[in-house]
C-alpha atoms as a PDB file:
ATOM      1  CA  MET A   1     114.186 248.359-110.797  1.00  0.00           C
ATOM      2  CA  VAL A   2     117.172 246.849-108.717  1.00  0.00           C
ATOM      3  CA  GLU A   3     118.365 243.300-110.157  1.00  0.00           C
ATOM      4  CA  LEU A   4     120.961 241.090-107.219  1.00  0.00           C
ATOM      5  CA  ARG A   5     121.816 237.780-108.268  1.00  0.00           C
ATOM      6  CA  ASP A   6     124.200 235.648-106.053  1.00  0.00           C
ATOM      7  CA  VAL A   7     126.308 238.875-105.186  1.00  0.00           C
ATOM      8  CA  THR A   8     129.091 238.546-102.867  1.00  0.00           C
ATOM      9  CA  LYS A   9     131.074 241.461-101.447  1.00  0.00           C
ATOM     10  CA  ASP A  10     134.631 240.777 -99.507  1.00  0.00           C
ATOM     11  CA  PHE A  11     137.269 243.243 -98.476  1.00  0.00           C
ATOM     12  CA  VAL A  12     140.580 242.273 -97.576  1.00  0.00           C
ATOM     13  CA  ASP A  13     141.840 243.134 -94.250  1.00  0.00           C
ATOM     14  CA  GLY A  14     145.596 242.653 -93.912  1.00  0.00           C
ATOM     15  CA  PRO A  15     146.203 238.353 -94.124  1.00  0.00           C
ATOM     16  CA  ARG A  16     142.312 238.136 -93.554  1.00  0.00           C
ATOM     17  CA  THR A  17     139.190 238.459 -95.791  1.00  0.00           C
ATOM     18  CA  VAL A  18     135.827 239.866 -94.281  1.00  0.00           C
ATOM     19  CA  ARG A  19     132.762 238.293 -96.517  1.00  0.00           C
ATOM     20  CA  ALA A  20     130.392 241.366 -96.060  1.00  0.00           C
ATOM     21  CA  VAL A  21     128.095 239.939 -98.176  1.00  0.00           C
ATOM     22  CA  ASP A  22     127.639 236.670 -99.108  1.00  0.00           C
ATOM     23  CA  GLY A  23     125.406 235.242-101.812  1.00  0.00           C
ATOM     24  CA  VAL A  24     122.548 237.519-101.531  1.00  0.00           C
ATOM     25  CA  SER A  25     119.739 237.288-104.730  1.00  0.00           C
ATOM     26  CA  LEU A  26     117.035 239.716-104.301  1.00  0.00           C
ATOM     27  CA  ASP A  27     114.685 242.037-106.609  1.00  0.00           C
ATOM     28  CA  VAL A  28     113.605 245.205-106.120  1.00  0.00           C
ATOM     29  CA  GLU A  29     110.286 246.353-107.839  1.00  0.00           C
ATOM     30  CA  ARG A  30     109.747 249.520-109.264  1.00  0.00           C
ATOM     31  CA  GLY A  31     107.453 251.584-107.263  1.00  0.00           C
ATOM     32  CA  GLU A  32     107.695 250.028-103.803  1.00  0.00           C
ATOM     33  CA  VAL A  33     109.395 250.596-100.491  1.00  0.00           C
ATOM     34  CA  PHE A  34     112.235 248.167-100.064  1.00  0.00           C
ATOM     35  CA  GLY A  35     113.278 247.661 -96.365  1.00  0.00           C
ATOM     36  CA  VAL A  36     116.735 245.953 -95.812  1.00  0.00           C
ATOM     37  CA  ILE A  37     117.155 245.599 -91.787  1.00  0.00           C
ATOM     38  CA  GLY A  38     120.102 244.178 -89.722  1.00  0.00           C
ATOM     39  CA  SER A  39     122.381 244.495 -87.143  1.00  0.00           C
ATOM     40  CA  SER A  40     125.101 246.476 -87.049  1.00  0.00           C
ATOM     41  CA  GLY A  41     128.066 244.700 -89.379  1.00  0.00           C
ATOM     42  CA  ALA A  42     125.245 242.695 -90.902  1.00  0.00           C
ATOM     43  CA  GLY A  43     125.790 243.552 -94.620  1.00  0.00           C
ATOM     44  CA  LYS A  44     122.881 246.403 -95.456  1.00  0.00           C
ATOM     45  CA  SER A  45     124.767 249.608 -95.705  1.00  0.00           C
ATOM     46  CA  THR A  46     127.579 247.967 -98.191  1.00  0.00           C
ATOM     47  CA  LEU A  47     125.096 246.142 -99.949  1.00  0.00           C
ATOM     48  CA  VAL A  48     123.491 249.353-100.651  1.00  0.00           C
ATOM     49  CA  ARG A  49     126.697 251.000-101.473  1.00  0.00           C
ATOM     50  CA  LEU A  50     126.828 247.844-104.235  1.00  0.00           C
ATOM     51  CA  VAL A  51     123.399 248.995-106.080  1.00  0.00           C
ATOM     52  CA  ASN A  52     124.931 252.622-106.988  1.00  0.00           C
ATOM     53  CA  ALA A  53     128.123 251.231-107.668  1.00  0.00           C
ATOM     54  CA  LEU A  54     130.060 252.825-105.043  1.00  0.00           C
ATOM     55  CA  GLU A  55     131.087 249.564-104.600  1.00  0.00           C
ATOM     56  CA  ARG A  56     131.906 246.215-106.571  1.00  0.00           C
ATOM     57  CA  PRO A  57     131.045 243.213-105.770  1.00  0.00           C
ATOM     58  CA  THR A  58     133.290 240.579-105.573  1.00  0.00           C
ATOM     59  CA  SER A  59     131.411 237.758-107.617  1.00  0.00           C
ATOM     60  CA  GLY A  60     127.719 238.037-108.858  1.00  0.00           C
ATOM     61  CA  SER A  61     125.608 241.120-110.445  1.00  0.00           C
ATOM     62  CA  VAL A  62     124.035 244.074-109.808  1.00  0.00           C
ATOM     63  CA  ALA A  63     121.360 245.284-112.046  1.00  0.00           C
ATOM     64  CA  VAL A  64     119.305 249.198-112.192  1.00  0.00           C
ATOM     65  CA  GLY A  65     117.051 249.932-113.887  1.00  0.00           C
ATOM     66  CA  GLY A  66     117.819 246.882-116.363  1.00  0.00           C
ATOM     67  CA  THR A  67     121.206 247.714-117.131  1.00  0.00           C
ATOM     68  CA  THR A  68     123.863 245.278-115.102  1.00  0.00           C
ATOM     69  CA  ILE A  69     126.344 248.063-113.728  1.00  0.00           C
ATOM     70  CA  SER A  70     128.530 245.712-112.045  1.00  0.00           C
ATOM     71  CA  ASP A  71     131.141 245.260-114.475  1.00  0.00           C
ATOM     72  CA  LEU A  72     130.411 249.137-116.168  1.00  0.00           C
ATOM     73  CA  PRO A  73     133.522 250.999-116.440  1.00  0.00           C
ATOM     74  CA  GLU A  74     133.788 254.228-114.511  1.00  0.00           C
ATOM     75  CA  ARG A  75     132.760 256.590-117.258  1.00  0.00           C
ATOM     76  CA  ARG A  76     129.451 254.710-117.966  1.00  0.00           C
ATOM     77  CA  LEU A  77     128.023 254.890-114.315  1.00  0.00           C
ATOM     78  CA  GLN A  78     127.493 258.688-114.399  1.00  0.00           C
ATOM     79  CA  PRO A  79     124.272 258.349-116.544  1.00  0.00           C
ATOM     80  CA  VAL A  80     123.060 255.448-114.030  1.00  0.00           C
ATOM     81  CA  ARG A  81     124.070 257.233-110.856  1.00  0.00           C
ATOM     82  CA  ALA A  82     122.513 260.415-112.043  1.00  0.00           C
ATOM     83  CA  GLY A  83     118.764 258.268-111.618  1.00  0.00           C
ATOM     84  CA  ILE A  84     119.838 257.305-108.118  1.00  0.00           C
ATOM     85  CA  GLY A  85     119.494 259.680-105.231  1.00  0.00           C
ATOM     86  CA  PHE A  86     120.834 259.094-102.131  1.00  0.00           C
ATOM     87  CA  ILE A  87     120.013 259.887 -98.334  1.00  0.00           C
ATOM     88  CA  PHE A  88     122.627 259.876 -95.907  1.00  0.00           C
ATOM     89  CA  GLN A  89     122.929 259.098 -91.797  1.00  0.00           C
ATOM     90  CA  GLN A  90     124.146 261.949 -91.230  1.00  0.00           C
ATOM     91  CA  PHE A  91     123.146 264.222 -93.947  1.00  0.00           C
ATOM     92  CA  ASN A  92     126.051 265.317 -95.576  1.00  0.00           C
ATOM     93  CA  LEU A  93     125.000 268.757 -95.973  1.00  0.00           C
ATOM     94  CA  LEU A  94     127.572 271.168 -97.551  1.00  0.00           C
ATOM     95  CA  SER A  95     127.923 273.959 -94.541  1.00  0.00           C
ATOM     96  CA  SER A  96     129.591 276.782 -96.235  1.00  0.00           C
ATOM     97  CA  ARG A  97     126.377 276.814 -98.830  1.00  0.00           C
ATOM     98  CA  SER A  98     122.750 277.543 -97.941  1.00  0.00           C
ATOM     99  CA  VAL A  99     119.705 275.246 -97.465  1.00  0.00           C
ATOM    100  CA  ALA A 100     118.853 276.412-101.523  1.00  0.00           C
ATOM    101  CA  GLY A 101     122.578 275.892-102.476  1.00  0.00           C
ATOM    102  CA  ASN A 102     123.320 272.513-101.006  1.00  0.00           C
ATOM    103  CA  VAL A 103     119.644 271.722-103.053  1.00  0.00           C
ATOM    104  CA  ALA A 104     120.657 273.124-106.333  1.00  0.00           C
ATOM    105  CA  TYR A 105     124.181 271.395-105.751  1.00  0.00           C
ATOM    106  CA  PRO A 106     123.716 268.317-107.889  1.00  0.00           C
ATOM    107  CA  LEU A 107     121.710 270.670-110.512  1.00  0.00           C
ATOM    108  CA  ALA A 108     124.561 272.310-111.131  1.00  0.00           C
ATOM    109  CA  VAL A 109     126.952 269.193-111.694  1.00  0.00           C
ATOM    110  CA  ALA A 110     124.376 268.207-114.027  1.00  0.00           C
ATOM    111  CA  GLY A 111     124.507 271.352-115.999  1.00  0.00           C
ATOM    112  CA  TRP A 112     121.289 272.393-115.674  1.00  0.00           C
ATOM    113  CA  PRO A 113     121.168 276.323-116.526  1.00  0.00           C
ATOM    114  CA  LYS A 114     120.540 278.916-113.566  1.00  0.00           C
ATOM    115  CA  ASP A 115     116.974 279.552-114.255  1.00  0.00           C
ATOM    116  CA  ARG A 116     116.121 276.003-114.563  1.00  0.00           C
ATOM    117  CA  ARG A 117     117.714 275.164-111.322  1.00  0.00           C
ATOM    118  CA  ARG A 118     116.062 278.255-109.612  1.00  0.00           C
ATOM    119  CA  ALA A 119     113.063 276.634-110.211  1.00  0.00           C
ATOM    120  CA  ARG A 120     113.355 272.689-109.498  1.00  0.00           C
ATOM    121  CA  VAL A 121     115.191 274.017-105.712  1.00  0.00           C
ATOM    122  CA  ALA A 122     111.767 276.440-104.969  1.00  0.00           C
ATOM    123  CA  GLU A 123     109.654 273.057-106.341  1.00  0.00           C
ATOM    124  CA  LEU A 124     111.604 270.924-103.845  1.00  0.00           C
ATOM    125  CA  LEU A 125     111.667 273.292-100.804  1.00  0.00           C
ATOM    126  CA  ASP A 126     108.169 273.698-100.950  1.00  0.00           C
ATOM    127  CA  PHE A 127     107.825 269.537-101.001  1.00  0.00           C
ATOM    128  CA  VAL A 128     109.680 269.370 -98.287  1.00  0.00           C
ATOM    129  CA  GLY A 129     107.921 272.330 -96.193  1.00  0.00           C
ATOM    130  CA  LEU A 130     111.351 274.589 -95.991  1.00  0.00           C
ATOM    131  CA  THR A 131     110.340 277.361 -98.322  1.00  0.00           C
ATOM    132  CA  ASP A 132     111.305 279.543 -95.513  1.00  0.00           C
ATOM    133  CA  LYS A 133     114.758 278.380 -94.654  1.00  0.00           C
ATOM    134  CA  ALA A 134     116.034 278.591 -98.716  1.00  0.00           C
ATOM    135  CA  ASP A 135     118.500 281.332 -97.498  1.00  0.00           C
ATOM    136  CA  ARG A 136     119.569 279.730 -93.906  1.00  0.00           C
ATOM    137  CA  ARG A 137     122.997 277.480 -93.622  1.00  0.00           C
ATOM    138  CA  PRO A 138     122.955 273.780 -92.651  1.00  0.00           C
ATOM    139  CA  GLY A 139     124.514 274.500 -88.871  1.00  0.00           C
ATOM    140  CA  GLU A 140     121.065 277.007 -88.237  1.00  0.00           C
ATOM    141  CA  LEU A 141     118.806 273.745 -89.253  1.00  0.00           C
ATOM    142  CA  SER A 142     117.584 271.313 -86.357  1.00  0.00           C
ATOM    143  CA  GLY A 143     118.283 267.480 -87.201  1.00  0.00           C
ATOM    144  CA  GLY A 144     114.789 266.923 -89.309  1.00  0.00           C
ATOM    145  CA  GLN A 145     115.162 270.074 -91.070  1.00  0.00           C
ATOM    146  CA  LYS A 146     118.614 269.068 -92.063  1.00  0.00           C
ATOM    147  CA  GLN A 147     117.477 265.592 -93.311  1.00  0.00           C
ATOM    148  CA  ARG A 148     114.541 267.727 -95.452  1.00  0.00           C
ATOM    149  CA  VAL A 149     116.911 269.156 -97.041  1.00  0.00           C
ATOM    150  CA  GLY A 150     119.374 266.356 -97.768  1.00  0.00           C
ATOM    151  CA  ILE A 151     116.051 264.515 -99.510  1.00  0.00           C
ATOM    152  CA  ALA A 152     115.412 267.537-101.346  1.00  0.00           C
ATOM    153  CA  ARG A 153     118.862 267.341-102.512  1.00  0.00           C
ATOM    154  CA  ALA A 154     118.528 263.511-103.192  1.00  0.00           C
ATOM    155  CA  LEU A 155     115.345 264.120-105.418  1.00  0.00           C
ATOM    156  CA  ALA A 156     116.951 267.175-107.388  1.00  0.00           C
ATOM    157  CA  THR A 157     117.439 265.321-110.587  1.00  0.00           C
ATOM    158  CA  SER A 158     114.160 263.240-110.113  1.00  0.00           C
ATOM    159  CA  PRO A 159     115.564 259.822-109.412  1.00  0.00           C
ATOM    160  CA  ALA A 160     113.803 256.894-110.188  1.00  0.00           C
ATOM    161  CA  LEU A 161     115.603 255.450-107.171  1.00  0.00           C
ATOM    162  CA  LEU A 162     116.168 256.617-103.763  1.00  0.00           C
ATOM    163  CA  LEU A 163     118.769 255.078-101.558  1.00  0.00           C
ATOM    164  CA  ALA A 164     118.108 255.947 -97.705  1.00  0.00           C
ATOM    165  CA  ASP A 165     121.028 254.438 -95.621  1.00  0.00           C
ATOM    166  CA  GLU A 166     119.624 254.781 -91.614  1.00  0.00           C
ATOM    167  CA  ALA A 167     118.233 258.065 -92.766  1.00  0.00           C
ATOM    168  CA  THR A 168     116.408 258.088 -89.445  1.00  0.00           C
ATOM    169  CA  SER A 169     118.776 256.744 -86.883  1.00  0.00           C
ATOM    170  CA  ALA A 170     119.883 260.174 -85.913  1.00  0.00           C
ATOM    171  CA  LEU A 171     116.495 261.739 -85.201  1.00  0.00           C
ATOM    172  CA  ASP A 172     114.008 261.767 -82.461  1.00  0.00           C
ATOM    173  CA  PRO A 173     110.702 259.589 -82.539  1.00  0.00           C
ATOM    174  CA  GLU A 174     108.656 262.354 -83.629  1.00  0.00           C
ATOM    175  CA  THR A 175     110.781 263.758 -86.113  1.00  0.00           C
ATOM    176  CA  THR A 176     111.452 260.175 -87.675  1.00  0.00           C
ATOM    177  CA  LYS A 177     107.974 260.113 -88.227  1.00  0.00           C
ATOM    178  CA  ASP A 178     107.954 263.478 -90.010  1.00  0.00           C
ATOM    179  CA  VAL A 179     110.600 262.268 -92.129  1.00  0.00           C
ATOM    180  CA  LEU A 180     109.105 258.798 -92.923  1.00  0.00           C
ATOM    181  CA  ASP A 181     106.078 260.860 -93.960  1.00  0.00           C
ATOM    182  CA  LEU A 182     108.064 262.713 -96.534  1.00  0.00           C
ATOM    183  CA  LEU A 183     109.487 259.835 -97.844  1.00  0.00           C
ATOM    184  CA  ARG A 184     105.999 257.923 -98.288  1.00  0.00           C
ATOM    185  CA  ARG A 185     104.932 261.113-100.368  1.00  0.00           C
ATOM    186  CA  ALA A 186     107.890 260.830-102.329  1.00  0.00           C
ATOM    187  CA  ASN A 187     106.988 257.591-103.395  1.00  0.00           C
ATOM    188  CA  GLU A 188     103.080 257.678-103.866  1.00  0.00           C
ATOM    189  CA  GLU A 189     103.089 261.355-105.263  1.00  0.00           C
ATOM    190  CA  LEU A 190     106.216 261.291-107.403  1.00  0.00           C
ATOM    191  CA  GLY A 191     106.640 257.223-107.967  1.00  0.00           C
ATOM    192  CA  VAL A 192     110.218 256.614-106.762  1.00  0.00           C
ATOM    193  CA  THR A 193     111.393 253.359-105.712  1.00  0.00           C
ATOM    194  CA  ILE A 194     113.105 253.638-102.383  1.00  0.00           C
ATOM    195  CA  VAL A 195     115.530 250.980-100.655  1.00  0.00           C
ATOM    196  CA  LEU A 196     115.471 251.826 -96.534  1.00  0.00           C
ATOM    197  CA  ILE A 197     118.364 250.752 -95.099  1.00  0.00           C
ATOM    198  CA  THR A 198     117.646 250.478 -91.269  1.00  0.00           C
ATOM    199  CA  HIS A 199     118.339 248.910 -87.928  1.00  0.00           C
ATOM    200  CA  GLU A 200     114.940 249.658 -86.372  1.00  0.00           C
ATOM    201  CA  MET A 201     111.672 247.347 -87.303  1.00  0.00           C
ATOM    202  CA  SER A 202     109.407 249.925 -86.633  1.00  0.00           C
ATOM    203  CA  VAL A 203     110.864 252.169 -89.525  1.00  0.00           C
ATOM    204  CA  VAL A 204     110.011 248.801 -92.015  1.00  0.00           C
ATOM    205  CA  SER A 205     106.738 248.393 -89.795  1.00  0.00           C
ATOM    206  CA  TYR A 206     105.618 252.430 -91.216  1.00  0.00           C
ATOM    207  CA  LEU A 207     106.985 252.750 -94.665  1.00  0.00           C
ATOM    208  CA  ALA A 208     108.015 249.759 -96.071  1.00  0.00           C
ATOM    209  CA  HIS A 209     106.096 247.133 -98.228  1.00  0.00           C
ATOM    210  CA  ARG A 210     108.645 244.499 -98.239  1.00  0.00           C
ATOM    211  CA  VAL A 211     111.772 243.393 -96.035  1.00  0.00           C
ATOM    212  CA  ALA A 212     114.762 241.708 -96.085  1.00  0.00           C
ATOM    213  CA  VAL A 213     116.301 240.941 -93.311  1.00  0.00           C
ATOM    214  CA  MET A 214     120.299 240.052 -93.260  1.00  0.00           C
ATOM    215  CA  ASP A 215     122.851 238.898 -90.736  1.00  0.00           C
ATOM    216  CA  ALA A 216     125.978 237.842 -91.053  1.00  0.00           C
ATOM    217  CA  GLY A 217     126.292 239.493 -94.567  1.00  0.00           C
ATOM    218  CA  ALA A 218     123.865 237.039 -96.036  1.00  0.00           C
ATOM    219  CA  LEU A 219     119.974 237.084 -96.645  1.00  0.00           C
ATOM    220  CA  VAL A 220     118.083 234.969 -93.787  1.00  0.00           C
ATOM    221  CA  GLU A 221     114.273 236.311 -94.588  1.00  0.00           C
ATOM    222  CA  LEU A 222     112.661 237.890 -97.543  1.00  0.00           C
ATOM    223  CA  GLY A 223     108.821 239.008 -97.898  1.00  0.00           C
ATOM    224  CA  ASP A 224     105.892 241.617 -97.625  1.00  0.00           C
ATOM    225  CA  VAL A 225     106.162 243.356 -94.100  1.00  0.00           C
ATOM    226  CA  TYR A 226     103.057 241.823 -92.425  1.00  0.00           C
ATOM    227  CA  ASP A 227     103.729 238.383 -93.564  1.00  0.00           C
ATOM    228  CA  ILE A 228     107.698 238.508 -92.323  1.00  0.00           C
ATOM    229  CA  PHE A 229     105.729 240.235 -89.099  1.00  0.00           C
ATOM    230  CA  ALA A 230     102.817 237.826 -88.333  1.00  0.00           C
ATOM    231  CA  SER A 231     105.326 235.111 -89.162  1.00  0.00           C
ATOM    232  CA  PRO A 232     108.905 235.476 -88.784  1.00  0.00           C
ATOM    233  CA  ARG A 233     111.363 232.334 -89.064  1.00  0.00           C
ATOM    234  CA  ARG A 234     114.663 233.128 -87.738  1.00  0.00           C
ATOM    235  CA  PRO A 235     115.584 234.489 -84.376  1.00  0.00           C
ATOM    236  CA  ILE A 236     116.823 237.568 -85.470  1.00  0.00           C
ATOM    237  CA  THR A 237     113.886 238.325 -86.897  1.00  0.00           C
ATOM    238  CA  ARG A 238     111.740 237.507 -84.023  1.00  0.00           C
ATOM    239  CA  ARG A 239     113.915 239.834 -81.647  1.00  0.00           C
ATOM    240  CA  PHE A 240     113.750 242.735 -84.318  1.00  0.00           C
ATOM    241  CA  ILE A 241     110.379 242.470 -84.794  1.00  0.00           C
ATOM    242  CA  ALA A 242     110.479 242.334 -80.505  1.00  0.00           C
ATOM    243  CA  THR A 243     111.535 245.645 -80.398  1.00  0.00           C
ATOM    244  CA  ALA A 244     108.735 247.146 -82.975  1.00  0.00           C
ATOM    245  CA  LEU A 245     105.999 245.968 -81.361  1.00  0.00           C
ATOM    246  CA  HIS A 246     106.772 245.588 -77.493  1.00  0.00           C
ATOM    247  CA  ASP A 247     103.679 243.202 -77.358  1.00  0.00           C
ATOM    248  CA  ARG A 248     105.394 240.143 -75.087  1.00  0.00           C
ATOM    249  CA  PRO A 249     106.194 240.015 -71.311  1.00  0.00           C
ATOM    250  CA  ARG A 250     109.924 240.020 -70.930  1.00  0.00           C
ATOM    251  CA  PRO A 251     111.482 237.229 -68.243  1.00  0.00           C
ATOM    252  CA  ASP A 252     110.860 239.981 -65.827  1.00  0.00           C
ATOM    253  CA  ALA A 253     107.666 241.238 -66.333  1.00  0.00           C
ATOM    254  CA  LEU A 254     106.375 238.136 -66.776  1.00  0.00           C
ATOM    255  CA  GLU A 255     107.578 236.800 -63.223  1.00  0.00           C
ATOM    256  CA  ARG A 256     105.327 239.807 -62.074  1.00  0.00           C
ATOM    257  CA  LEU A 257     102.759 238.265 -63.728  1.00  0.00           C
ATOM    258  CA  ARG A 258     103.001 234.920 -62.396  1.00  0.00           C
ATOM    259  CA  SER A 259     103.240 236.848 -58.882  1.00  0.00           C
ATOM    260  CA  ARG A 260      99.835 238.782 -59.188  1.00  0.00           C
ATOM    261  CA  HIS A 261      97.593 235.987 -61.315  1.00  0.00           C
ATOM    262  CA  ALA A 262      97.131 232.530 -59.832  1.00  0.00           C
ATOM    263  CA  GLY A 263      95.996 231.258 -63.242  1.00  0.00           C
ATOM    264  CA  ARG A 264      97.636 229.824 -66.372  1.00  0.00           C
ATOM    265  CA  ILE A 265      99.354 232.514 -67.696  1.00  0.00           C
ATOM    266  CA  VAL A 266      99.612 232.186 -72.137  1.00  0.00           C
ATOM    267  CA  THR A 267     100.721 234.704 -75.024  1.00  0.00           C
ATOM    268  CA  VAL A 268      98.258 234.636 -78.206  1.00  0.00           C
ATOM    269  CA  ALA A 269      99.599 235.899 -81.260  1.00  0.00           C
ATOM    270  CA  VAL A 270      97.000 237.872 -82.456  1.00  0.00           C
ATOM    271  CA  ALA A 271      96.930 238.480 -86.649  1.00  0.00           C
ATOM    272  CA  GLU A 272      94.749 238.993 -89.525  1.00  0.00           C
ATOM    273  CA  GLY A 273      92.979 235.365 -90.833  1.00  0.00           C
ATOM    274  CA  ARG A 274      94.333 233.543 -87.725  1.00  0.00           C
ATOM    275  CA  ALA A 275      93.285 234.943 -84.523  1.00  0.00           C
ATOM    276  CA  SER A 276      90.871 237.880 -83.711  1.00  0.00           C
ATOM    277  CA  THR A 277      90.155 239.212 -80.254  1.00  0.00           C
ATOM    278  CA  THR A 278      86.479 238.378 -80.940  1.00  0.00           C
ATOM    279  CA  TYR A 279      87.725 234.586 -81.685  1.00  0.00           C
ATOM    280  CA  LEU A 280      89.465 234.494 -78.728  1.00  0.00           C
ATOM    281  CA  ALA A 281      87.210 235.035 -76.465  1.00  0.00           C
ATOM    282  CA  ASP A 282      84.582 232.995 -77.969  1.00  0.00           C
ATOM    283  CA  ARG A 283      86.690 229.833 -77.396  1.00  0.00           C
ATOM    284  CA  TRP A 284      87.995 230.679 -73.780  1.00  0.00           C
ATOM    285  CA  LEU A 285      84.244 230.793 -73.287  1.00  0.00           C
ATOM    286  CA  ALA A 286      83.478 228.051 -75.509  1.00  0.00           C
ATOM    287  CA  HIS A 287      85.743 225.551 -72.992  1.00  0.00           C
ATOM    288  CA  GLY A 288      84.172 227.055 -69.841  1.00  0.00           C
ATOM    289  CA  LEU A 289      86.982 229.485 -68.961  1.00  0.00           C
ATOM    290  CA  ARG A 290      87.572 232.663 -67.340  1.00  0.00           C
ATOM    291  CA  ALA A 291      90.502 234.953 -69.164  1.00  0.00           C
ATOM    292  CA  GLU A 292      91.660 237.879 -68.499  1.00  0.00           C
ATOM    293  CA  ILE A 293      94.243 240.115 -70.499  1.00  0.00           C
ATOM    294  CA  VAL A 294      97.333 241.174 -68.253  1.00  0.00           C
ATOM    295  CA  PHE A 295      99.625 242.447 -71.055  1.00  0.00           C
ATOM    296  CA  GLY A 296     100.218 242.963 -74.568  1.00  0.00           C
ATOM    297  CA  GLY A 297      98.798 245.295 -77.741  1.00  0.00           C
ATOM    298  CA  VAL A 298      97.759 245.120 -81.114  1.00  0.00           C
ATOM    299  CA  THR A 299      98.573 247.476 -83.735  1.00  0.00           C
ATOM    300  CA  GLU A 300      98.750 247.981 -87.613  1.00  0.00           C
ATOM    301  CA  VAL A 301     100.922 246.894 -89.504  1.00  0.00           C
ATOM    302  CA  ALA A 302     100.501 247.528 -93.495  1.00  0.00           C
ATOM    303  CA  ALA A 303      97.171 248.571 -92.003  1.00  0.00           C
ATOM    304  CA  LYS A 304      96.330 244.899 -90.502  1.00  0.00           C
ATOM    305  CA  PRO A 305      96.170 244.358 -87.361  1.00  0.00           C
ATOM    306  CA  LEU A 306      98.977 242.303 -85.045  1.00  0.00           C
ATOM    307  CA  GLY A 307      99.907 241.744 -82.190  1.00  0.00           C
ATOM    308  CA  SER A 308     100.275 239.363 -79.196  1.00  0.00           C
ATOM    309  CA  LEU A 309      97.784 239.604 -75.720  1.00  0.00           C
ATOM    310  CA  THR A 310      98.888 237.632 -72.504  1.00  0.00           C
ATOM    311  CA  PHE A 311      95.944 236.439 -71.009  1.00  0.00           C
ATOM    312  CA  GLU A 312      95.150 234.732 -67.424  1.00  0.00           C
ATOM    313  CA  LEU A 313      93.261 231.172 -67.798  1.00  0.00           C
ATOM    314  CA  VAL A 314      91.088 230.164 -64.831  1.00  0.00           C
ATOM    315  CA  GLY A 315      89.324 227.239 -64.933  1.00  0.00           C
ATOM    316  CA  GLU A 316      89.224 222.993 -64.820  1.00  0.00           C
ATOM    317  CA  GLY A 317      92.944 221.780 -65.691  1.00  0.00           C
ATOM    318  CA  ARG A 318      91.717 219.355 -68.678  1.00  0.00           C
ATOM    319  CA  ALA A 319      89.432 222.484 -70.207  1.00  0.00           C
ATOM    320  CA  VAL A 320      92.683 224.957 -69.884  1.00  0.00           C
ATOM    321  CA  GLU A 321      94.809 222.473 -71.730  1.00  0.00           C
ATOM    322  CA  ALA A 322      91.927 221.965 -74.431  1.00  0.00           C
ATOM    323  CA  ALA A 323      91.708 225.312 -74.819  1.00  0.00           C
ATOM    324  CA  ILE A 324      95.339 226.122 -75.283  1.00  0.00           C
ATOM    325  CA  ALA A 325      95.478 223.312 -77.916  1.00  0.00           C
ATOM    326  CA  ASP A 326      92.693 224.461 -79.780  1.00  0.00           C
ATOM    327  CA  VAL A 327      93.199 228.151 -80.426  1.00  0.00           C
ATOM    328  CA  ARG A 328      96.981 226.624 -80.907  1.00  0.00           C
ATOM    329  CA  SER A 329      95.561 224.882 -84.311  1.00  0.00           C
ATOM    330  CA  ARG A 330      94.616 228.249 -85.437  1.00  0.00           C
ATOM    331  CA  THR A 331      97.394 230.741 -84.038  1.00  0.00           C
ATOM    332  CA  GLU A 332     100.815 231.039 -82.047  1.00  0.00           C
ATOM    333  CA  VAL A 333     100.228 230.083 -78.031  1.00  0.00           C
ATOM    334  CA  VAL A 334     103.061 230.204 -75.918  1.00  0.00           C
ATOM    335  CA  ASP A 335     101.936 228.596 -72.445  1.00  0.00           C
ATOM    336  CA  HIS A 336     103.851 230.378 -69.644  1.00  0.00           C
ATOM    337  CA  GLY A 337     102.518 228.094 -66.357  1.00  0.00           C
ATOM    338  CA  THR A 338     101.513 229.107 -63.486  1.00  0.00           C
ATOM    339  CA  ALA A 339     104.038 230.525 -60.229  1.00  0.00           C
ATOM    340  CA  ALA A 340     103.682 227.360 -58.750  1.00  0.00           C
ATOM    341  CA  ASP A 341     104.305 225.329 -62.245  1.00  0.00           C
ATOM    342  CA  PRO A 342     106.248 227.669 -64.806  1.00  0.00           C
ATOM    343  CA  LYS A 343     106.650 226.999 -68.196  1.00  0.00           C
ATOM    344  CA  ASP A 344     109.670 228.191 -70.411  1.00  0.00           C
ATOM    345  CA  GLY A 345     107.610 229.472 -72.883  1.00  0.00           C
ATOM    346  CA  ASP A 346     106.450 226.420 -74.331  1.00  0.00           C
ATOM    347  CA  LEU A 347     104.991 226.279 -78.096  1.00  0.00           C
END
């Protein structure tokens, strides 16, 4: 659906040249939800603007739906852009128009007759659950309702591709979930391919099938969401995952754990096919240890269990070392030591 090949984008800022996107190559498959995550300034918003040709690459190529758009003249881009919907962080609704008028706007631009526009708007407002708000102005709506209007407008011309740039970052957690559920319906019921730009790993874990991690304009990790969560390779990816899972003790929490528990403190990664809670209980028991869970949590990512559990292990020293080595052969184990002999998160 989307193909980027060795794409670079430079911006000239006076005497300086700033590289916003640095040699990125990736494919977005038709029908998937593809997440792009990165910190502010990582290049993710520039990347999405390259996909709808609001920016042209300095080098490399961008193709959408089999059409290379990076070198198309402006007059030939309109049919391509008609097949791409865009959802904005700040909604970008027309304050002078009603909800129905905002949704109808792209249809009017596309030349739809009034009767077809009216029917399509009614269908879309029903889809996003705002039929009763058709005559309201944007200023009368909540943030979540405004974004629902934005989604309806983006879907108006039945695009095959939807680009969502930080679509939930201005919303509270409950409203964020409602909007993500709506995007999932658009993907599953309407077959729309979605590229989701975000700085929140929790959004990626909830909605995306695959994810690309960007840092300083470069693509540093790419893969299935579960695989990236379960086996992150880069420190930046681990930091993003930590913000979503909250399953490992921070330094201050670790100090409290050591002060309360005299045994060995270890954090163990739990993932499908590698280590389950039952497996861990069996291994501790096999080595004659008493084990207590003192921190952590296991959630679901892509409908599979994932997380970390922190244990206090109590037993003879050599037995503890053997148990850690045993479990470490199967999954990640971080050894925090004891209050008397703390370790700096030895792997």
